[in-house]
Amino acid sequence: MTTPLSVLDTSPVSAGMTTADALAATTRLARAADAHGYARFWVAEHHAMPSVASTSPGVLLAHLAAATDRIRVGSGGVMLPNHPSLVVAEQFAMLEALHPGRVDLGIGRAPGADPLTAAALRRTVEGLGAEDFPAELLDVLTLLGQTPRGAEPSARALRLRATPAASSTPQVWLLGSSLFSAQLAGELGLPFSYAHHFNTGLTLDAAAAYRRVFRPSAVLAEPRLMVSSSVLVADTEAEAQHLAGPSRVMALALRTGRPLEPIVTPDDAAAILGELDPAAAAEFFARVPGTQIATTADAAVAALRELVDRAGADELMITGTSHDVGTRIATLEAVAARWQS
């Protein structure tokens, strides 16, 4: 069987673009993914970032599910420490009731925000280290009627329900870029999505750890691993590298404390990157490429297949940052056409 392909989008806000423009672009991308046979379309949760419009996955997913026909929609992910477990469970139980069999609840433990914003979301400075994440995750599962075997959820979660009369339940995934998340997903018998696009150094170790500790659960009999990669394709390698320039500018800002601005154009990115010391820039982008795979469609698909094989992944999720949504749509179309062949 062909490994299923899915999409992660952050609703990037480009220079000269409004939030409405960014969300309209995400809707276009979701419809393209639906039309080209992708299995899932996930949206992120980030806060207080001028370059990201996706702040409220649950709200955006309700719109995307209504705007598409077949594709599963989900969060990639809900940052659970920012929200009460009952609120998360109720939101996604409602989404599942509105769109049965099409909703994924991807859960992460990172804040997705700076400390000030995280404290404002949680109304306290306590728990910013996400120490309570395993217990909060267990509560969400219990509220959705998916308590793992042998687990001990809180007494409060046992007394509550996320919805009065569920006919189906969202598919819960644990997200992560660390061994901690891999092991927790395995112990709870959850499908696991590893953020290879964020941390390439632990991908194989995390995959092995997940499988090693996996315990069958009521929702999953065998491990199910998804890995992600950032991808942009074009007719030539040089053009793809040029289109990936804005993602490198964003990666540079994220890692070096530079101001986080809207996504610049490829030409502006080339000018910004051209001002860097060539040796230092080459060393930095070897570690933090911005876009991991920026090449022709055939070469990109070959690299993605190699990643799937190395990780032993059951599913692959692709993501990409570009100034123009047309670049991301063209990437989805080109990869899908070759992936099925």
Protein backbone atom coordinates (compact mmCIF):
# COMPACT_ATOMS: atom_id res chain seq x y z
CA MET A 1 0.00 0.00 0.00
CA THR A 2 1.16 3.55 -0.69
CA THR A 3 2.11 5.45 2.47
CA PRO A 4 -0.62 8.05 3.13
CA LEU A 5 0.32 11.68 2.58
CA SER A 6 -0.95 14.54 4.72
CA VAL A 7 -0.41 18.30 5.09
CA LEU A 8 0.46 20.64 7.98
CA ASP A 9 -0.16 24.38 7.57
CA THR A 10 0.48 27.33 9.86
CA SER A 11 -1.49 29.92 7.85
CA PRO A 12 1.63 31.99 7.16
CA VAL A 13 1.13 35.75 6.94
CA SER A 14 3.21 37.23 4.15
CA ALA A 15 4.37 40.82 3.78
CA GLY A 16 1.46 42.94 2.59
CA MET A 17 -1.06 40.29 3.60
CA THR A 18 -3.82 40.47 6.22
CA THR A 19 -4.89 37.71 8.57
CA ALA A 20 -7.98 37.25 6.40
CA ASP A 21 -5.73 36.76 3.37
CA ALA A 22 -3.65 34.15 5.22
CA LEU A 23 -6.69 32.16 6.32
CA ALA A 24 -8.18 32.32 2.82
CA ALA A 25 -4.89 30.92 1.52
CA THR A 26 -5.07 28.07 4.03
CA THR A 27 -8.59 27.30 2.81
CA ARG A 28 -7.31 27.15 -0.79
CA LEU A 29 -4.51 24.83 0.32
CA ALA A 30 -6.93 22.55 2.19
CA ARG A 31 -9.17 22.29 -0.85
CA ALA A 32 -6.17 21.43 -3.02
CA ALA A 33 -5.09 18.74 -0.55
CA ASP A 34 -8.62 17.35 -0.55
CA ALA A 35 -8.77 17.27 -4.34
CA HIS A 36 -5.39 15.55 -4.70
CA GLY A 37 -6.04 12.66 -2.31
CA TYR A 38 -4.20 13.74 0.83
CA ALA A 39 -5.35 11.91 3.94
CA ARG A 40 -5.23 14.70 6.54
CA PHE A 41 -4.96 18.48 6.73
CA TRP A 42 -3.68 19.76 10.06
CA VAL A 43 -3.31 23.32 11.33
CA ALA A 44 -0.98 24.60 14.01
CA GLU A 45 -1.35 26.61 17.21
CA HIS A 46 0.99 29.57 17.54
CA HIS A 47 0.49 32.85 19.38
CA ALA A 48 1.83 36.40 19.15
CA MET A 49 3.73 35.72 15.91
CA PRO A 50 3.38 38.30 13.11
CA SER A 51 4.06 35.57 10.53
CA VAL A 52 1.44 33.03 11.70
CA ALA A 53 -2.35 33.43 11.60
CA SER A 54 -3.26 29.99 12.99
CA THR A 55 -3.90 30.77 16.66
CA SER A 56 -7.08 28.76 17.31
CA PRO A 57 -7.05 25.33 15.64
CA GLY A 58 -10.55 24.35 16.72
CA VAL A 59 -12.12 27.45 15.17
CA LEU A 60 -10.16 27.10 11.93
CA LEU A 61 -10.90 23.38 11.65
CA ALA A 62 -14.65 23.96 11.80
CA HIS A 63 -14.32 26.21 8.77
CA LEU A 64 -11.95 23.89 6.87
CA ALA A 65 -14.12 20.83 7.43
CA ALA A 66 -17.10 22.71 5.99
CA ALA A 67 -14.99 23.92 3.04
CA THR A 68 -13.77 20.43 2.07
CA ASP A 69 -15.46 17.17 1.18
CA ARG A 70 -13.42 14.13 2.19
CA ILE A 71 -10.11 14.91 3.87
CA ARG A 72 -9.64 14.51 7.62
CA VAL A 73 -8.96 17.80 9.41
CA GLY A 74 -7.00 18.11 12.62
CA SER A 75 -4.77 20.07 14.94
CA GLY A 76 -1.05 19.90 14.55
CA GLY A 77 -1.50 20.56 17.29
CA VAL A 78 -3.42 21.86 20.27
CA MET A 79 -0.84 22.89 22.86
CA LEU A 80 -2.53 21.28 25.83
CA PRO A 81 -0.77 23.21 28.64
CA ASN A 82 -2.44 26.37 27.29
CA HIS A 83 -5.99 25.06 27.74
CA PRO A 84 -8.17 23.25 30.29
CA SER A 85 -8.55 19.60 29.32
CA LEU A 86 -12.35 19.82 29.36
CA VAL A 87 -12.34 22.76 26.92
CA VAL A 88 -10.16 20.84 24.46
CA ALA A 89 -12.25 17.68 24.76
CA GLU A 90 -15.52 19.57 24.31
CA GLN A 91 -14.29 21.49 21.27
CA PHE A 92 -13.12 18.40 19.45
CA ALA A 93 -16.09 16.30 20.49
CA MET A 94 -18.27 18.99 18.91
CA LEU A 95 -16.16 19.04 15.76
CA GLU A 96 -16.51 15.27 15.55
CA ALA A 97 -20.29 15.54 15.98
CA LEU A 98 -20.43 18.09 13.16
CA HIS A 99 -18.09 16.13 10.86
CA PRO A 100 -18.15 12.47 11.95
CA GLY A 101 -15.12 10.39 11.06
CA ARG A 102 -13.10 13.36 9.80
CA VAL A 103 -11.56 14.93 12.92
CA ASP A 104 -8.08 14.46 14.37
CA LEU A 105 -7.01 15.88 17.72
CA GLY A 106 -3.24 16.25 17.62
CA ILE A 107 -1.93 17.24 21.04
CA GLY A 108 1.44 18.76 21.94
CA ARG A 109 3.09 19.95 25.14
CA ALA A 110 5.12 22.93 23.86
CA PRO A 111 3.69 26.38 24.68
CA GLY A 112 3.61 27.61 21.08
CA ALA A 113 4.22 31.07 22.49
CA ASP A 114 6.64 33.24 24.42
CA PRO A 115 6.47 33.07 28.25
CA LEU A 116 4.39 36.27 28.56
CA THR A 117 1.79 35.05 26.08
CA ALA A 118 1.75 31.57 27.61
CA ALA A 119 1.09 33.06 31.04
CA ALA A 120 -1.76 35.16 29.60
CA LEU A 121 -3.32 32.08 27.99
CA ARG A 122 -3.16 30.09 31.20
CA ARG A 123 -3.91 33.02 33.55
CA THR A 124 -0.97 31.92 35.73
CA VAL A 125 2.80 31.56 35.58
CA GLU A 126 2.55 28.11 37.14
CA GLY A 127 2.93 25.05 34.98
CA LEU A 128 4.81 26.78 32.17
CA GLY A 129 7.18 23.82 32.12
CA ALA A 130 4.33 21.44 31.21
CA GLU A 131 5.08 19.12 34.15
CA ASP A 132 1.39 18.18 34.37
CA PHE A 133 1.11 17.32 30.69
CA PRO A 134 0.78 13.50 31.06
CA ALA A 135 -2.04 13.88 33.60
CA GLU A 136 -3.79 16.52 31.47
CA LEU A 137 -3.50 14.31 28.39
CA LEU A 138 -4.99 11.39 30.30
CA ASP A 139 -7.91 13.59 31.33
CA VAL A 140 -8.60 14.54 27.70
CA LEU A 141 -8.60 10.89 26.67
CA THR A 142 -10.93 10.00 29.52
CA LEU A 143 -13.32 12.85 28.72
CA LEU A 144 -13.50 11.52 25.16
CA GLY A 145 -14.14 7.97 26.37
CA GLN A 146 -10.67 6.70 25.43
CA THR A 147 -9.08 5.94 28.80
CA PRO A 148 -6.00 3.72 28.24
CA ARG A 149 -5.99 0.32 29.92
CA GLY A 150 -4.53 0.43 33.42
CA ALA A 151 -4.45 4.24 33.52
CA GLU A 152 -5.65 6.26 36.51
CA PRO A 153 -7.29 9.48 35.32
CA SER A 154 -8.37 12.17 37.76
CA ALA A 155 -11.59 11.71 39.70
CA ARG A 156 -12.93 14.86 38.07
CA ALA A 157 -12.37 13.52 34.55
CA LEU A 158 -14.13 10.29 35.48
CA ARG A 159 -17.21 12.26 36.55
CA LEU A 160 -17.44 14.40 33.40
CA ARG A 161 -18.16 13.85 29.71
CA ALA A 162 -17.04 15.97 26.79
CA THR A 163 -20.39 15.64 25.03
CA PRO A 164 -23.79 14.39 26.19
CA ALA A 165 -24.33 11.68 23.56
CA ALA A 166 -21.32 10.82 21.42
CA SER A 167 -21.83 8.70 18.31
CA SER A 168 -18.12 8.77 17.38
CA THR A 169 -14.91 10.22 18.75
CA PRO A 170 -12.02 12.18 17.26
CA GLN A 171 -8.79 10.35 16.52
CA VAL A 172 -6.23 11.49 19.10
CA TRP A 173 -2.56 11.76 18.11
CA LEU A 174 0.33 12.69 20.35
CA LEU A 175 2.77 15.08 18.71
CA GLY A 176 6.39 15.64 19.63
CA SER A 177 9.99 16.22 18.70
CA SER A 178 11.54 14.43 21.68
CA LEU A 179 12.00 10.99 23.18
CA PHE A 180 9.67 11.95 26.04
CA SER A 181 6.67 12.36 23.72
CA ALA A 182 7.59 9.21 21.76
CA GLN A 183 7.68 7.11 24.91
CA LEU A 184 4.48 8.62 26.32
CA ALA A 185 2.62 7.93 23.07
CA GLY A 186 3.82 4.35 23.12
CA GLU A 187 2.88 3.78 26.75
CA LEU A 188 -0.63 5.14 26.16
CA GLY A 189 -1.14 3.23 22.92
CA LEU A 190 -1.66 6.39 20.85
CA PRO A 191 -0.63 7.14 17.28
CA PHE A 192 2.48 9.34 17.29
CA SER A 193 3.42 12.16 14.92
CA TYR A 194 7.11 13.08 15.07
CA ALA A 195 8.08 16.63 14.01
CA HIS A 196 11.03 15.73 11.81
CA HIS A 197 10.66 19.16 10.16
CA PHE A 198 11.49 20.69 13.54
CA ASN A 199 14.11 18.31 14.94
CA THR A 200 15.91 15.95 12.57
CA GLY A 201 18.47 14.72 15.08
CA LEU A 202 16.18 12.42 17.06
CA THR A 203 13.87 11.07 14.37
CA LEU A 204 15.15 7.49 14.27
CA ASP A 205 15.67 7.31 18.04
CA ALA A 206 12.15 8.59 18.66
CA ALA A 207 10.67 6.10 16.19
CA ALA A 208 12.52 3.25 17.88
CA ALA A 209 11.54 4.39 21.38
CA TYR A 210 7.89 4.65 20.38
CA ARG A 211 7.79 1.14 19.00
CA ARG A 212 9.81 -0.33 21.86
CA VAL A 213 7.42 0.77 24.61
CA PHE A 214 4.16 0.60 22.65
CA ARG A 215 1.24 -0.99 24.47
CA PRO A 216 -1.90 -1.93 22.52
CA SER A 217 -4.90 0.18 23.51
CA ALA A 218 -8.61 0.30 22.87
CA VAL A 219 -7.98 2.64 19.92
CA LEU A 220 -4.78 1.17 18.46
CA ALA A 221 -3.60 -2.43 18.27
CA GLU A 222 -0.21 -1.69 16.70
CA PRO A 223 2.11 1.33 16.60
CA ARG A 224 1.22 4.02 14.05
CA LEU A 225 3.98 6.51 13.31
CA MET A 226 3.78 9.62 11.18
CA VAL A 227 6.80 11.81 10.37
CA SER A 228 6.81 15.30 8.88
CA SER A 229 9.14 17.11 6.52
CA SER A 230 9.25 20.65 5.11
CA VAL A 231 9.14 20.62 1.31
CA LEU A 232 8.98 23.06 -1.60
CA VAL A 233 9.33 22.02 -5.24
CA ALA A 234 9.85 23.86 -8.53
CA ASP A 235 10.85 23.10 -12.11
CA THR A 236 14.54 23.52 -11.28
CA GLU A 237 16.61 23.15 -8.15
CA ALA A 238 17.76 26.76 -8.39
CA GLU A 239 14.18 28.01 -8.51
CA ALA A 240 13.17 25.84 -5.56
CA GLN A 241 16.11 27.14 -3.53
CA HIS A 242 15.06 30.70 -4.38
CA LEU A 243 11.46 30.04 -3.30
CA ALA A 244 12.75 28.55 -0.03
CA GLY A 245 14.62 31.75 0.85
CA PRO A 246 11.75 33.24 2.93
CA SER A 247 11.70 30.11 5.11
CA ARG A 248 15.43 30.55 5.77
CA VAL A 249 14.89 34.15 6.82
CA MET A 250 12.17 32.98 9.22
CA ALA A 251 14.39 30.18 10.59
CA LEU A 252 17.20 32.69 11.13
CA ALA A 253 14.89 34.99 13.07
CA LEU A 254 13.53 32.17 15.22
CA ARG A 255 16.97 30.86 16.16
CA THR A 256 18.90 34.12 16.59
CA GLY A 257 16.41 36.40 18.33
CA ARG A 258 15.86 38.66 15.33
CA PRO A 259 12.42 40.30 15.03
CA LEU A 260 9.74 37.92 13.73
CA GLU A 261 8.23 39.66 10.73
CA PRO A 262 5.70 38.58 8.08
CA ILE A 263 7.05 36.24 5.39
CA VAL A 264 9.18 38.23 2.95
CA THR A 265 9.28 37.73 -0.81
CA PRO A 266 11.92 35.42 -2.32
CA ASP A 267 13.74 38.43 -3.79
CA ASP A 268 13.79 40.25 -0.45
CA ALA A 269 14.94 37.05 1.25
CA ALA A 270 17.83 36.75 -1.23
CA ALA A 271 18.88 40.31 -0.37
CA ILE A 272 18.71 39.65 3.39
CA LEU A 273 20.60 36.39 3.16
CA GLY A 274 23.16 37.97 0.84
CA GLU A 275 24.21 40.32 3.65
CA LEU A 276 25.25 37.41 5.88
CA ASP A 277 28.78 36.13 6.19
CA PRO A 278 28.88 33.27 3.64
CA ALA A 279 30.79 30.81 5.83
CA ALA A 280 28.65 31.49 8.92
CA ALA A 281 25.45 31.31 6.87
CA ALA A 282 26.45 27.99 5.29
CA GLU A 283 27.20 26.52 8.72
CA PHE A 284 23.92 27.81 10.19
CA PHE A 285 21.68 26.59 7.37
CA ALA A 286 23.37 23.21 7.32
CA ARG A 287 21.90 22.79 10.82
CA VAL A 288 18.69 24.84 10.35
CA PRO A 289 17.80 24.65 6.65
CA GLY A 290 14.47 26.49 6.83
CA THR A 291 13.06 24.17 4.18
CA GLN A 292 14.55 20.68 4.42
CA ILE A 293 13.78 19.61 0.85
CA ALA A 294 13.83 22.35 -1.81
CA THR A 295 14.36 20.81 -5.22
CA THR A 296 12.56 19.37 -8.25
CA ALA A 297 9.49 17.22 -7.73
CA ASP A 298 11.17 13.94 -8.65
CA ALA A 299 14.13 14.58 -6.35
CA ALA A 300 11.81 15.70 -3.54
CA VAL A 301 9.71 12.55 -3.74
CA ALA A 302 12.85 10.40 -3.71
CA ALA A 303 14.06 12.18 -0.56
CA LEU A 304 10.66 11.82 1.10
CA ARG A 305 10.53 8.10 0.31
CA GLU A 306 13.98 7.70 1.83
CA LEU A 307 12.79 9.45 5.02
CA VAL A 308 9.74 7.17 5.25
CA ASP A 309 11.92 4.09 4.77
CA ARG A 310 14.54 5.15 7.33
CA ALA A 311 11.94 5.95 9.98
CA GLY A 312 9.68 3.03 9.11
CA ALA A 313 6.85 5.56 9.04
CA ASP A 314 3.25 4.55 8.41
CA GLU A 315 2.29 8.04 7.25
CA LEU A 316 4.07 11.16 5.94
CA MET A 317 3.05 14.78 6.56
CA ILE A 318 4.51 17.60 4.50
CA THR A 319 4.63 21.28 5.36
CA GLY A 320 6.18 24.35 3.83
CA THR A 321 6.67 28.08 4.31
CA SER A 322 6.47 30.26 1.24
CA HIS A 323 5.53 33.84 0.45
CA ASP A 324 2.83 32.76 -2.00
CA VAL A 325 0.27 30.02 -1.42
CA GLY A 326 0.56 29.09 -5.07
CA THR A 327 4.00 27.67 -4.33
CA ARG A 328 2.58 25.46 -1.59
CA ILE A 329 -0.32 24.32 -3.79
CA ALA A 330 2.03 23.49 -6.66
CA THR A 331 4.16 21.47 -4.23
CA LEU A 332 1.14 19.45 -3.07
CA GLU A 333 0.06 18.76 -6.63
CA ALA A 334 3.53 17.71 -7.82
CA VAL A 335 4.27 15.48 -4.83
CA ALA A 336 0.86 13.79 -4.95
CA ALA A 337 1.14 13.06 -8.67
CA ARG A 338 4.48 11.27 -8.21
CA TRP A 339 3.75 9.67 -4.85
CA GLN A 340 0.99 7.49 -6.23
CA SER A 341 2.97 6.34 -9.28
